[in-house]
């Protein structure tokens, strides 16, 4: 890299964090790396048009972070399209008439380039980012609206980065508020259903009060966050990060940071966090790791049992002889596996963890009590276990999961772990949903030419009894039921999209509510009761 280019990088604070490739070389993302001249040009474009909102270090300011990890969901021409056309209902302007097409392409390619050195975001930065907008002690005792507060829906609208709070009795919006960039779909609730916690891809966690319909607090826990989980006692929120490689524990009352956990294996290698879950019967967080063949369990009980990560000679009370015993709060129990697991599912009592391996062929059943694999499952075709459901079929508890690569739903006996049936669908799917009060399960197709259809399966016969095509040509996905199970809400995943309310018994459309790409909807009661028909 020339002295001139180095100087230009330093002027906007990027330094050696930027990639310095040569024409013809390939970076870790499989892209052709940019030349020094291209980097200098892109750097100048960024400094002129982007740094004021997104910050010189690309970590975000008024606008979101513009790191490769933060932008990985914007595939194809997604970044170029936003630069050229801007974003509706945001402060992102359109540069289509300001920049040439070649400049837009160069800037988009530059933003995808990996950095030589990962930016840092530690506890000091986390603490400085923390804002409490209203003292929790000043919040009202009762909801400001009529209706059942446990039958609300939190709906994530990715099209313009907003959330709508929907009344599940009247299907009328109660509030709509802006969120940070690229909010993760999975809203999480306090155990009483009063607060909802939202996490964005670029690290922001937001706490919203469903009684007074206002944001209580916000904090940035990382630069690329996977998701959050809430403890079953309502005291803690745990965030899992892809960048940096750590977990961050927060006080659920106002998001005050408590501590961080570096995610490092025995060999010193660090790992991204795939997801973090709460296991209510175990009073612990369960953590999936993307780069290590391990599962972590972190107890949040007041008096947790000691964790023995090393050799143990004697477990006798007051006479323990062991290496590296972890006593005290939040001990990390590391369960070693033969392979990394990409996706998780739990049985209803959280005794077993079902995980998908990366080879796209096998699944594993991990008994969390004994901390080891107890069974293999045939799960070829990349199952999306995180969106699986359980229900009773002929006296057996079964797991039904869609597949991201194969056109089928696998139904698996949760005692023998054998596949009972494979249900052919019109394409690979993403979500499966049901409710205790309905005999039907709804599954989307999501991928392929028939992505606009939804299948309805009779849980009593494991047969498809109805196929809907709500909006021809537009993705139909992610069903969630209301508290009673009488209504099913479906998303049309499009900027000009909608929530469609169906009668769950007759499959007739009742209402259509226009929304901006509603990627997910989450019913308070179903989530806090850990309904077998929805994701946990």
Protein backbone atom coordinates (compact mmCIF):
# COMPACT_ATOMS: atom_id res chain seq x y z
CA UNK A 1 0.00 0.00 0.00
CA UNK A 2 1.45 3.39 -0.98
CA UNK A 3 2.22 6.15 1.49
CA UNK A 4 -0.46 8.30 -0.15
CA UNK A 5 -3.13 5.63 0.34
CA UNK A 6 -2.05 4.98 3.93
CA UNK A 7 -2.32 8.68 4.63
CA UNK A 8 -5.77 8.83 3.07
CA UNK A 9 -6.95 5.92 5.22
CA UNK A 10 -5.58 7.47 8.36
CA UNK A 11 -7.41 10.74 7.69
CA UNK A 12 -10.80 9.10 8.28
CA UNK A 13 -9.61 6.81 11.05
CA UNK A 14 -9.59 3.47 9.24
CA UNK A 15 -5.85 2.77 9.30
CA UNK A 16 -4.86 -0.87 8.89
CA UNK A 17 -8.41 -2.04 9.51
CA UNK A 18 -9.05 -1.86 5.75
CA UNK A 19 -8.16 -4.63 3.38
CA UNK A 20 -5.10 -4.07 1.18
CA UNK A 21 -5.43 -6.58 -1.62
CA UNK A 22 -4.04 -6.77 -5.15
CA UNK A 23 -5.90 -7.10 -8.43
CA UNK A 24 -6.49 -10.75 -9.21
CA UNK A 25 -6.17 -12.03 -5.64
CA UNK A 26 -9.13 -13.55 -3.83
CA UNK A 27 -10.12 -12.67 -0.31
CA UNK A 28 -11.63 -14.88 2.41
CA UNK A 29 -15.13 -14.11 1.14
CA UNK A 30 -14.33 -15.56 -2.28
CA UNK A 31 -14.34 -12.09 -3.89
CA UNK A 32 -11.67 -10.49 -6.04
CA UNK A 33 -9.73 -8.16 -3.77
CA UNK A 34 -9.43 -4.51 -4.73
CA UNK A 35 -6.22 -2.87 -5.87
CA UNK A 36 -4.54 -0.11 -3.90
CA UNK A 37 -5.84 2.46 -6.39
CA UNK A 38 -9.39 1.14 -6.06
CA UNK A 39 -9.13 1.23 -2.27
CA UNK A 40 -7.97 4.83 -2.39
CA UNK A 41 -10.88 5.80 -4.65
CA UNK A 42 -13.44 3.94 -2.51
CA UNK A 43 -11.92 5.45 0.63
CA UNK A 44 -12.36 8.94 -0.78
CA UNK A 45 -15.96 8.21 -1.77
CA UNK A 46 -16.72 6.91 1.71
CA UNK A 47 -15.10 9.91 3.40
CA UNK A 48 -17.11 12.31 1.25
CA UNK A 49 -20.52 10.67 1.21
CA UNK A 50 -20.76 8.13 4.06
CA UNK A 51 -18.51 8.89 7.04
CA UNK A 52 -20.70 11.68 8.44
CA UNK A 53 -23.52 9.22 9.18
CA UNK A 54 -21.76 5.86 9.44
CA UNK A 55 -18.60 7.13 11.20
CA UNK A 56 -15.05 7.09 9.95
CA UNK A 57 -14.38 3.68 11.47
CA UNK A 58 -17.54 2.23 9.85
CA UNK A 59 -18.88 1.22 13.27
CA UNK A 60 -22.03 3.28 12.82
CA UNK A 61 -23.39 6.55 14.10
CA UNK A 62 -26.59 8.09 12.83
CA UNK A 63 -26.52 5.26 10.30
CA UNK A 64 -25.78 1.57 10.93
CA UNK A 65 -22.39 -0.14 10.99
CA UNK A 66 -20.99 -0.86 7.54
CA UNK A 67 -18.82 -3.88 8.28
CA UNK A 68 -18.71 -6.99 6.07
CA UNK A 69 -20.22 -9.00 8.91
CA UNK A 70 -23.05 -6.50 9.34
CA UNK A 71 -23.84 -6.48 5.62
CA UNK A 72 -23.67 -10.21 4.93
CA UNK A 73 -27.46 -10.51 4.65
CA UNK A 74 -27.49 -8.00 1.77
CA UNK A 75 -26.70 -10.41 -1.04
CA UNK A 76 -26.39 -9.80 -4.76
CA UNK A 77 -26.80 -6.13 -5.64
CA UNK A 78 -28.39 -5.28 -2.30
CA UNK A 79 -25.72 -2.81 -1.18
CA UNK A 80 -25.52 -1.12 -4.58
CA UNK A 81 -29.30 -0.80 -4.68
CA UNK A 82 -29.40 0.97 -1.30
CA UNK A 83 -26.57 3.34 -2.26
CA UNK A 84 -28.30 4.18 -5.54
CA UNK A 85 -31.92 4.34 -4.34
CA UNK A 86 -31.62 5.11 -0.62
CA UNK A 87 -33.99 3.65 1.96
CA UNK A 88 -37.58 4.71 2.35
CA UNK A 89 -38.60 6.16 5.74
CA UNK A 90 -34.96 6.51 6.84
CA UNK A 91 -32.29 9.20 6.60
CA UNK A 92 -30.40 7.20 3.98
CA UNK A 93 -30.47 9.35 0.81
CA UNK A 94 -30.32 8.14 -2.80
CA UNK A 95 -26.95 8.68 -4.51
CA UNK A 96 -28.08 7.54 -7.94
CA UNK A 97 -27.78 11.07 -9.37
CA UNK A 98 -24.72 12.03 -7.32
CA UNK A 99 -22.44 9.06 -8.03
CA UNK A 100 -21.69 7.29 -11.29
CA UNK A 101 -22.75 3.65 -11.59
CA UNK A 102 -19.10 2.57 -11.51
CA UNK A 103 -18.55 4.54 -8.29
CA UNK A 104 -21.58 2.92 -6.66
CA UNK A 105 -20.34 -0.54 -7.65
CA UNK A 106 -16.84 0.20 -6.37
CA UNK A 107 -18.14 1.50 -3.04
CA UNK A 108 -20.38 -1.55 -2.61
CA UNK A 109 -17.51 -3.92 -3.41
CA UNK A 110 -15.25 -2.08 -0.98
CA UNK A 111 -17.78 -2.36 1.84
CA UNK A 112 -17.83 -6.15 1.37
CA UNK A 113 -14.06 -6.48 1.66
CA UNK A 114 -12.83 -8.09 4.91
CA UNK A 115 -10.69 -6.02 7.22
CA UNK A 116 -7.08 -6.76 8.05
CA UNK A 117 -7.86 -6.34 11.74
CA UNK A 118 -11.22 -6.75 13.42
CA UNK A 119 -12.45 -3.60 15.14
CA UNK A 120 -12.72 -3.78 18.92
CA UNK A 121 -15.82 -3.42 21.06
CA UNK A 122 -15.18 -4.15 24.72
CA UNK A 123 -16.82 -3.42 28.04
CA UNK A 124 -15.80 0.24 28.07
CA UNK A 125 -17.49 0.83 24.70
CA UNK A 126 -20.54 -1.16 25.83
CA UNK A 127 -20.90 0.93 29.00
CA UNK A 128 -20.55 4.21 27.08
CA UNK A 129 -23.29 3.18 24.64
CA UNK A 130 -25.86 2.49 27.38
CA UNK A 131 -28.87 4.83 27.50
CA UNK A 132 -31.85 4.65 29.88
CA UNK A 133 -34.64 6.81 28.50
CA UNK A 134 -37.10 6.36 31.36
CA UNK A 135 -36.56 5.16 34.92
CA UNK A 136 -38.23 1.72 35.21
CA UNK A 137 -39.56 2.79 38.60
CA UNK A 138 -41.65 5.47 36.86
CA UNK A 139 -43.41 3.08 34.49
CA UNK A 140 -47.18 2.64 34.94
CA UNK A 141 -48.71 -0.36 36.70
CA UNK A 142 -51.34 -1.00 34.04
CA UNK A 143 -51.43 -0.96 30.22
CA UNK A 144 -52.47 2.29 28.58
CA UNK A 145 -54.74 0.37 26.18
CA UNK A 146 -57.80 -1.84 26.49
CA UNK A 147 -57.43 -5.52 25.75
CA UNK A 148 -55.32 -8.51 26.72
CA UNK A 149 -51.64 -7.52 27.10
CA UNK A 150 -50.66 -11.18 26.73
CA UNK A 151 -52.30 -11.38 23.31
CA UNK A 152 -50.12 -8.73 21.70
CA UNK A 153 -47.88 -9.38 18.72
CA UNK A 154 -44.47 -7.83 18.15
CA UNK A 155 -44.04 -7.59 14.37
CA UNK A 156 -40.61 -6.87 12.89
CA UNK A 157 -40.84 -4.88 9.66
CA UNK A 158 -37.47 -5.21 7.90
CA UNK A 159 -38.50 -3.09 4.93
CA UNK A 160 -38.01 0.18 6.77
CA UNK A 161 -36.59 -1.00 10.11
CA UNK A 162 -39.65 -0.58 12.31
CA UNK A 163 -41.61 -2.65 14.80
CA UNK A 164 -45.39 -2.70 15.03
CA UNK A 165 -47.19 -3.72 18.22
CA UNK A 166 -50.44 -5.39 17.14
CA UNK A 167 -53.49 -6.05 19.32
CA UNK A 168 -54.22 -9.76 18.95
CA UNK A 169 -57.90 -9.32 19.80
CA UNK A 170 -58.79 -6.54 17.35
CA UNK A 171 -55.83 -6.89 14.96
CA UNK A 172 -55.32 -3.14 15.14
CA UNK A 173 -51.83 -1.61 15.55
CA UNK A 174 -51.20 0.00 18.95
CA UNK A 175 -47.80 1.49 18.14
CA UNK A 176 -45.15 1.58 15.43
CA UNK A 177 -41.62 2.69 16.27
CA UNK A 178 -38.21 2.76 14.53
CA UNK A 179 -35.49 0.26 15.38
CA UNK A 180 -31.82 -0.07 14.63
CA UNK A 181 -30.63 -1.42 11.29
CA UNK A 182 -31.34 -5.06 10.45
CA UNK A 183 -33.24 -6.06 13.54
CA UNK A 184 -33.06 -9.80 14.22
CA UNK A 185 -36.48 -11.37 13.83
CA UNK A 186 -36.59 -13.10 17.20
CA UNK A 187 -38.22 -10.83 19.76
CA UNK A 188 -37.82 -12.05 23.36
CA UNK A 189 -40.10 -11.25 26.30
CA UNK A 190 -39.78 -10.91 30.05
CA UNK A 191 -41.49 -13.84 31.83
CA UNK A 192 -44.53 -11.70 32.72
CA UNK A 193 -44.85 -10.54 29.11
CA UNK A 194 -44.45 -6.87 29.95
CA UNK A 195 -41.15 -6.09 28.24
CA UNK A 196 -39.84 -7.07 24.83
CA UNK A 197 -36.12 -7.21 24.04
CA UNK A 198 -34.94 -6.68 20.48
CA UNK A 199 -31.45 -7.19 19.01
CA UNK A 200 -30.10 -5.75 15.76
CA UNK A 201 -27.42 -7.25 13.56
CA UNK A 202 -25.08 -4.35 14.29
CA UNK A 203 -25.13 -4.95 18.01
CA UNK A 204 -27.90 -2.82 19.52
CA UNK A 205 -30.24 -4.26 22.14
CA UNK A 206 -33.46 -2.36 22.75
CA UNK A 207 -35.85 -2.76 25.72
CA UNK A 208 -39.47 -1.75 25.07
CA UNK A 209 -42.34 -1.52 27.57
CA UNK A 210 -45.55 -3.05 26.22
CA UNK A 211 -47.68 -1.36 28.91
CA UNK A 212 -46.72 2.24 28.22
CA UNK A 213 -45.68 1.60 24.59
CA UNK A 214 -42.27 3.24 24.80
CA UNK A 215 -38.59 2.36 24.63
CA UNK A 216 -37.05 2.10 28.10
CA UNK A 217 -33.36 1.56 27.38
CA UNK A 218 -30.83 0.73 24.70
CA UNK A 219 -27.25 -0.53 24.60
CA UNK A 220 -24.75 -1.66 22.01
CA UNK A 221 -23.31 -5.02 23.06
CA UNK A 222 -21.23 -5.75 19.96
CA UNK A 223 -20.64 -5.05 16.29
CA UNK A 224 -22.46 -8.06 14.87
CA UNK A 225 -24.95 -9.64 17.25
CA UNK A 226 -26.72 -12.94 16.65
CA UNK A 227 -29.57 -12.81 19.17
CA UNK A 228 -30.57 -12.41 22.81
CA UNK A 229 -32.21 -14.63 25.42
CA UNK A 230 -34.03 -13.72 28.65
CA UNK A 231 -33.66 -15.75 31.85
CA UNK A 232 -36.81 -17.47 33.10
CA UNK A 233 -36.65 -15.47 36.34
CA UNK A 234 -36.66 -12.21 34.36
CA UNK A 235 -33.40 -10.93 35.84
CA UNK A 236 -30.94 -11.29 32.98
CA UNK A 237 -30.57 -10.81 29.24
CA UNK A 238 -27.75 -12.63 27.47
CA UNK A 239 -26.54 -11.46 24.05
CA UNK A 240 -24.49 -13.64 21.71
CA UNK A 241 -22.09 -11.95 19.29
CA UNK A 242 -20.54 -12.88 15.98
CA UNK A 243 -18.18 -9.90 16.31
CA UNK A 244 -16.45 -9.76 18.69
CA UNK A 245 -16.46 -13.43 19.69
CA UNK A 246 -18.16 -13.12 23.05
CA UNK A 247 -21.31 -13.16 25.15
CA UNK A 248 -22.57 -10.13 27.07
CA UNK A 249 -24.74 -10.41 30.19
CA UNK A 250 -27.16 -7.55 30.93
CA UNK A 251 -29.46 -6.61 33.80
CA UNK A 252 -32.98 -7.11 32.40
CA UNK A 253 -34.35 -4.17 34.41
CA UNK A 254 -32.60 -1.50 32.32
CA UNK A 255 -29.91 -3.28 30.23
CA UNK A 256 -27.05 -2.31 32.54
CA UNK A 257 -24.05 -4.46 31.49
CA UNK A 258 -22.91 -7.00 34.08
CA UNK A 259 -20.06 -8.95 32.46
CA UNK A 260 -18.76 -10.39 29.21
CA UNK A 261 -17.62 -13.92 28.42
CA UNK A 262 -14.88 -14.48 25.83
CA UNK A 263 -15.77 -17.48 23.67
CA UNK A 264 -12.49 -19.39 23.45
CA UNK A 265 -11.82 -23.12 23.10
CA UNK A 266 -9.16 -25.31 24.71
CA UNK A 267 -6.74 -24.62 21.85
CA UNK A 268 -7.09 -20.86 22.23
CA UNK A 269 -9.24 -20.51 19.12
CA UNK A 270 -12.16 -18.15 19.46
CA UNK A 271 -15.63 -18.71 18.04
CA UNK A 272 -18.61 -16.77 16.77
CA UNK A 273 -21.85 -17.38 18.65
CA UNK A 274 -24.52 -19.02 16.50
CA UNK A 275 -27.31 -18.43 19.01
CA UNK A 276 -28.10 -18.21 22.70
CA UNK A 277 -31.21 -19.73 24.28
CA UNK A 278 -32.72 -19.87 27.74
CA UNK A 279 -33.57 -23.27 29.24
CA UNK A 280 -36.20 -22.48 31.90
CA UNK A 281 -36.27 -25.85 33.72
CA UNK A 282 -32.47 -25.74 33.96
CA UNK A 283 -32.23 -22.04 34.95
CA UNK A 284 -29.45 -21.62 32.45
CA UNK A 285 -28.47 -20.20 29.08
CA UNK A 286 -27.53 -22.64 26.32
CA UNK A 287 -25.06 -21.33 23.74
CA UNK A 288 -24.46 -22.65 20.22
CA UNK A 289 -20.99 -21.97 18.80
CA UNK A 290 -20.27 -21.64 15.11
CA UNK A 291 -16.55 -22.39 15.06
CA UNK A 292 -16.03 -24.81 17.95
CA UNK A 293 -17.41 -28.35 18.45
CA UNK A 294 -18.87 -27.36 21.81
CA UNK A 295 -22.13 -26.35 23.45
CA UNK A 296 -21.98 -24.08 26.48
CA UNK A 297 -24.37 -24.03 29.41
CA UNK A 298 -24.20 -21.03 31.74
CA UNK A 299 -26.25 -21.21 34.93
CA UNK A 300 -27.90 -18.03 36.19
CA UNK A 301 -29.17 -19.61 39.44
CA UNK A 302 -28.27 -17.81 42.67
CA UNK A 303 -26.41 -20.83 44.00
CA UNK A 304 -25.30 -22.78 40.93
CA UNK A 305 -23.71 -26.16 41.15
CA UNK A 306 -19.93 -26.12 40.62
CA UNK A 307 -18.65 -26.91 37.15
CA UNK A 308 -15.75 -29.35 36.82
CA UNK A 309 -14.08 -28.75 33.44
CA UNK A 310 -11.00 -30.81 34.27
CA UNK A 311 -10.08 -34.10 35.94
CA UNK A 312 -12.09 -35.00 39.07
CA UNK A 313 -10.72 -37.45 41.62
CA UNK A 314 -13.33 -37.02 44.34
CA UNK A 315 -16.79 -35.38 44.29
CA UNK A 316 -17.49 -35.94 48.01
CA UNK A 317 -18.88 -32.87 49.78
CA UNK A 318 -16.19 -30.74 51.43
CA UNK A 319 -13.55 -33.11 50.03
CA UNK A 320 -13.64 -32.31 46.30
CA UNK A 321 -10.42 -33.11 44.47
CA UNK A 322 -10.56 -31.68 40.96
CA UNK A 323 -8.81 -29.40 38.50
CA UNK A 324 -10.12 -25.95 37.50
CA UNK A 325 -13.35 -26.10 39.51
CA UNK A 326 -15.69 -23.19 38.72
CA UNK A 327 -17.54 -22.00 41.80
CA UNK A 328 -19.68 -18.92 42.09
CA UNK A 329 -22.09 -17.16 39.72
CA UNK A 330 -22.42 -17.87 36.00
CA UNK A 331 -20.13 -20.90 35.68
CA UNK A 332 -19.52 -22.05 32.11
CA UNK A 333 -20.14 -25.73 31.50
CA UNK A 334 -18.59 -26.80 28.20
CA UNK A 335 -20.04 -29.86 26.48
CA UNK A 336 -17.57 -31.21 23.92
CA UNK A 337 -18.92 -32.68 20.68
CA UNK A 338 -17.56 -34.46 17.63
CA UNK A 339 -18.72 -31.71 15.28
CA UNK A 340 -19.94 -28.13 15.39
CA UNK A 341 -23.71 -27.72 15.40
CA UNK A 342 -25.28 -25.00 13.27
CA UNK A 343 -28.88 -25.10 14.46
CA UNK A 344 -30.62 -26.16 17.68
CA UNK A 345 -33.93 -27.52 18.84
CA UNK A 346 -34.95 -28.53 22.39
CA UNK A 347 -37.53 -30.94 23.67
CA UNK A 348 -40.16 -29.39 25.93
CA UNK A 349 -38.40 -30.23 29.21
CA UNK A 350 -35.00 -29.11 27.90
CA UNK A 351 -33.41 -32.44 28.66
CA UNK A 352 -32.39 -33.04 25.06
CA UNK A 353 -30.80 -30.74 22.53
CA UNK A 354 -31.20 -31.67 18.88
CA UNK A 355 -28.59 -30.13 16.61
CA UNK A 356 -27.80 -30.13 12.89
CA UNK A 357 -24.23 -30.74 11.75
CA UNK A 358 -22.58 -28.82 8.96
CA UNK A 359 -22.22 -31.79 6.64
CA UNK A 360 -25.88 -31.38 5.68
CA UNK A 361 -26.63 -35.06 6.33
CA UNK A 362 -26.73 -35.80 10.04
CA UNK A 363 -28.25 -34.56 13.24
CA UNK A 364 -27.27 -35.25 16.82
CA UNK A 365 -29.24 -35.64 20.02
CA UNK A 366 -27.35 -34.33 23.05
CA UNK A 367 -28.51 -35.25 26.54
CA UNK A 368 -27.82 -32.08 28.50
CA UNK A 369 -27.94 -33.90 31.84
CA UNK A 370 -25.04 -36.23 31.03
CA UNK A 371 -23.40 -33.86 28.57
CA UNK A 372 -22.90 -36.14 25.59
CA UNK A 373 -24.44 -37.36 22.36
CA UNK A 374 -27.00 -40.13 22.84
CA UNK A 375 -28.37 -40.57 19.30
CA UNK A 376 -27.93 -39.71 15.63
CA UNK A 377 -30.78 -38.50 13.42
CA UNK A 378 -31.06 -38.67 9.65
CA UNK A 379 -31.46 -34.99 8.77
CA UNK A 380 -30.04 -34.55 5.30
CA UNK A 381 -30.99 -31.43 3.35
CA UNK A 382 -30.03 -28.81 5.97
CA UNK A 383 -32.90 -28.88 8.48
CA UNK A 384 -33.97 -25.58 10.00
CA UNK A 385 -34.36 -26.98 13.50
CA UNK A 386 -34.70 -23.56 15.11
CA UNK A 387 -38.10 -23.33 13.40
CA UNK A 388 -39.26 -26.84 14.19
CA UNK A 389 -42.26 -27.68 16.38
CA UNK A 390 -43.41 -30.58 18.54
CA UNK A 391 -46.83 -32.19 18.85
CA UNK A 392 -48.44 -35.50 19.81
CA UNK A 393 -48.96 -38.07 17.07
CA UNK A 394 -50.49 -41.46 17.88
CA UNK A 395 -49.34 -41.28 21.48
CA UNK A 396 -45.81 -40.15 20.68
CA UNK A 397 -44.18 -36.76 20.95
CA UNK A 398 -42.78 -35.88 17.53
CA UNK A 399 -40.58 -33.18 16.05
CA UNK A 400 -41.49 -31.66 12.68
CA UNK A 401 -38.81 -29.62 10.93
CA UNK A 402 -38.48 -27.98 7.51
CA UNK A 403 -35.34 -28.23 5.38
CA UNK A 404 -33.43 -25.39 3.76
CA UNK A 405 -32.25 -27.45 0.78
CA UNK A 406 -34.77 -30.26 0.35
CA UNK A 407 -38.48 -30.01 -0.45
CA UNK A 408 -39.79 -31.84 2.60
CA UNK A 409 -40.84 -31.81 6.23
CA UNK A 410 -39.25 -34.47 8.45
CA UNK A 411 -41.37 -35.88 11.27
CA UNK A 412 -39.23 -37.59 13.94
CA UNK A 413 -40.23 -39.70 16.94
CA UNK A 414 -38.67 -38.06 20.01
CA UNK A 415 -38.29 -41.35 21.87
CA UNK A 416 -36.66 -43.56 19.24
CA UNK A 417 -35.30 -40.59 17.23
CA UNK A 418 -36.36 -42.37 14.06
CA UNK A 419 -38.02 -40.62 11.13
CA UNK A 420 -41.73 -41.47 11.12
CA UNK A 421 -42.56 -39.76 7.86
CA UNK A 422 -41.19 -37.41 5.25
CA UNK A 423 -43.83 -35.03 3.87
CA UNK A 424 -43.09 -33.79 0.35
CA UNK A 425 -43.56 -30.05 -0.20
CA UNK A 426 -43.39 -27.72 -3.20
CA UNK A 427 -39.97 -26.47 -2.16
CA UNK A 428 -37.52 -26.04 0.71
CA UNK A 429 -39.05 -24.29 3.69
CA UNK A 430 -38.01 -22.03 6.53
CA UNK A 431 -40.75 -22.08 9.19
CA UNK A 432 -43.17 -24.58 10.71
CA UNK A 433 -45.82 -23.37 13.15
CA UNK A 434 -48.81 -24.71 15.08
CA UNK A 435 -50.73 -24.31 18.36
CA UNK A 436 -52.04 -26.67 21.03
CA UNK A 437 -55.61 -25.67 20.16
CA UNK A 438 -55.45 -26.52 16.46
CA UNK A 439 -55.05 -29.87 14.68
CA UNK A 440 -53.08 -28.22 11.90
CA UNK A 441 -49.47 -27.20 11.27
CA UNK A 442 -48.62 -24.48 8.76
CA UNK A 443 -45.39 -24.68 6.73
CA UNK A 444 -44.02 -22.25 4.16
CA UNK A 445 -41.99 -23.07 1.07
CA UNK A 446 -39.87 -19.88 1.04
CA UNK A 447 -37.30 -21.03 -1.56
CA UNK A 448 -37.79 -21.78 -5.23
CA UNK A 449 -40.48 -20.99 -7.79
CA UNK A 450 -43.32 -21.82 -5.39
CA UNK A 451 -42.12 -19.55 -2.59
CA UNK A 452 -45.55 -17.89 -2.57
CA UNK A 453 -47.38 -20.97 -1.27
CA UNK A 454 -48.06 -22.26 2.23
CA UNK A 455 -49.00 -25.84 3.09
CA UNK A 456 -51.36 -26.81 5.90
CA UNK A 457 -50.70 -30.24 7.41
CA UNK A 458 -53.15 -32.25 9.51
CA UNK A 459 -51.20 -33.29 12.60
CA UNK A 460 -53.49 -36.31 13.02
CA UNK A 461 -52.72 -37.81 9.61
CA UNK A 462 -49.44 -36.09 8.62
CA UNK A 463 -51.02 -35.22 5.28
CA UNK A 464 -51.21 -31.87 3.48
CA UNK A 465 -54.88 -30.89 3.51
CA UNK A 466 -54.67 -27.41 2.02
CA UNK A 467 -52.25 -25.29 0.00
CA UNK A 468 -52.69 -21.52 0.01
CA UNK A 469 -51.23 -18.94 -2.39
CA UNK A 470 -51.99 -15.66 -0.58
CA UNK A 471 -50.14 -13.24 -2.88
CA UNK A 472 -48.94 -14.70 -6.20
CA UNK A 473 -45.27 -14.00 -6.82
CA UNK A 474 -44.46 -12.82 -3.29
CA UNK A 475 -42.88 -14.88 -0.50
CA UNK A 476 -45.44 -16.13 2.03
CA UNK A 477 -43.80 -17.17 5.30
CA UNK A 478 -43.72 -17.31 9.08
CA UNK A 479 -47.10 -18.10 10.59
CA UNK A 480 -47.80 -17.26 14.23
CA UNK A 481 -51.01 -17.99 16.11
CA UNK A 482 -52.86 -15.75 18.52
CA UNK A 483 -53.17 -16.72 22.18
CA UNK A 484 -56.31 -18.80 21.63
CA UNK A 485 -55.09 -20.61 18.53
CA UNK A 486 -58.19 -19.48 16.63
CA UNK A 487 -56.30 -17.22 14.24
CA UNK A 488 -53.12 -17.71 12.20
CA UNK A 489 -51.13 -14.67 11.10
CA UNK A 490 -49.01 -14.97 7.95
CA UNK A 491 -46.36 -12.61 6.55
CA UNK A 492 -45.98 -11.48 2.96
CA UNK A 493 -42.21 -10.88 2.87
CA UNK A 494 -42.10 -7.87 0.59
CA UNK A 495 -41.52 -4.14 0.98
CA UNK A 496 -45.09 -3.82 -0.25
CA UNK A 497 -46.13 -6.64 2.06
CA UNK A 498 -48.77 -7.42 4.63
CA UNK A 499 -49.86 -9.45 7.62
CA UNK A 500 -52.76 -11.71 6.65
CA UNK A 501 -55.07 -12.94 9.42
CA UNK A 502 -56.67 -16.35 8.77
CA UNK A 503 -59.34 -18.31 10.54
CA UNK A 504 -57.24 -21.24 11.76
CA UNK A 505 -60.11 -23.70 11.37
CA UNK A 506 -61.58 -22.75 7.97
CA UNK A 507 -58.38 -21.23 6.45
CA UNK A 508 -60.41 -18.25 5.26
CA UNK A 509 -58.77 -14.83 5.14
CA UNK A 510 -60.21 -12.43 7.73
CA UNK A 511 -58.06 -9.34 7.44
CA UNK A 512 -55.05 -7.98 5.57
CA UNK A 513 -52.83 -5.36 7.26
CA UNK A 514 -50.31 -3.57 4.97
CA UNK A 515 -46.72 -3.64 6.28
CA UNK A 516 -43.14 -3.13 5.10
CA UNK A 517 -41.64 -6.62 4.74
CA UNK A 518 -42.91 -8.11 8.03
CA UNK A 519 -40.27 -10.79 8.54
CA UNK A 520 -41.51 -12.10 11.87
CA UNK A 521 -44.32 -11.82 14.39
CA UNK A 522 -44.30 -13.03 17.98
CA UNK A 523 -47.29 -13.53 20.26
CA UNK A 524 -46.56 -12.68 23.89
CA UNK A 525 -48.50 -15.54 25.49
CA UNK A 526 -47.19 -18.22 23.14
CA UNK A 527 -43.62 -17.11 23.72
CA UNK A 528 -43.66 -16.77 27.51
CA UNK A 529 -45.42 -20.15 27.89
CA UNK A 530 -42.93 -21.80 25.50
CA UNK A 531 -45.70 -23.15 23.30
CA UNK A 532 -44.82 -26.38 21.50
CA UNK A 533 -46.12 -24.83 18.30
CA UNK A 534 -43.61 -21.99 18.04
CA UNK A 535 -39.88 -21.40 18.31
CA UNK A 536 -38.25 -20.81 21.69
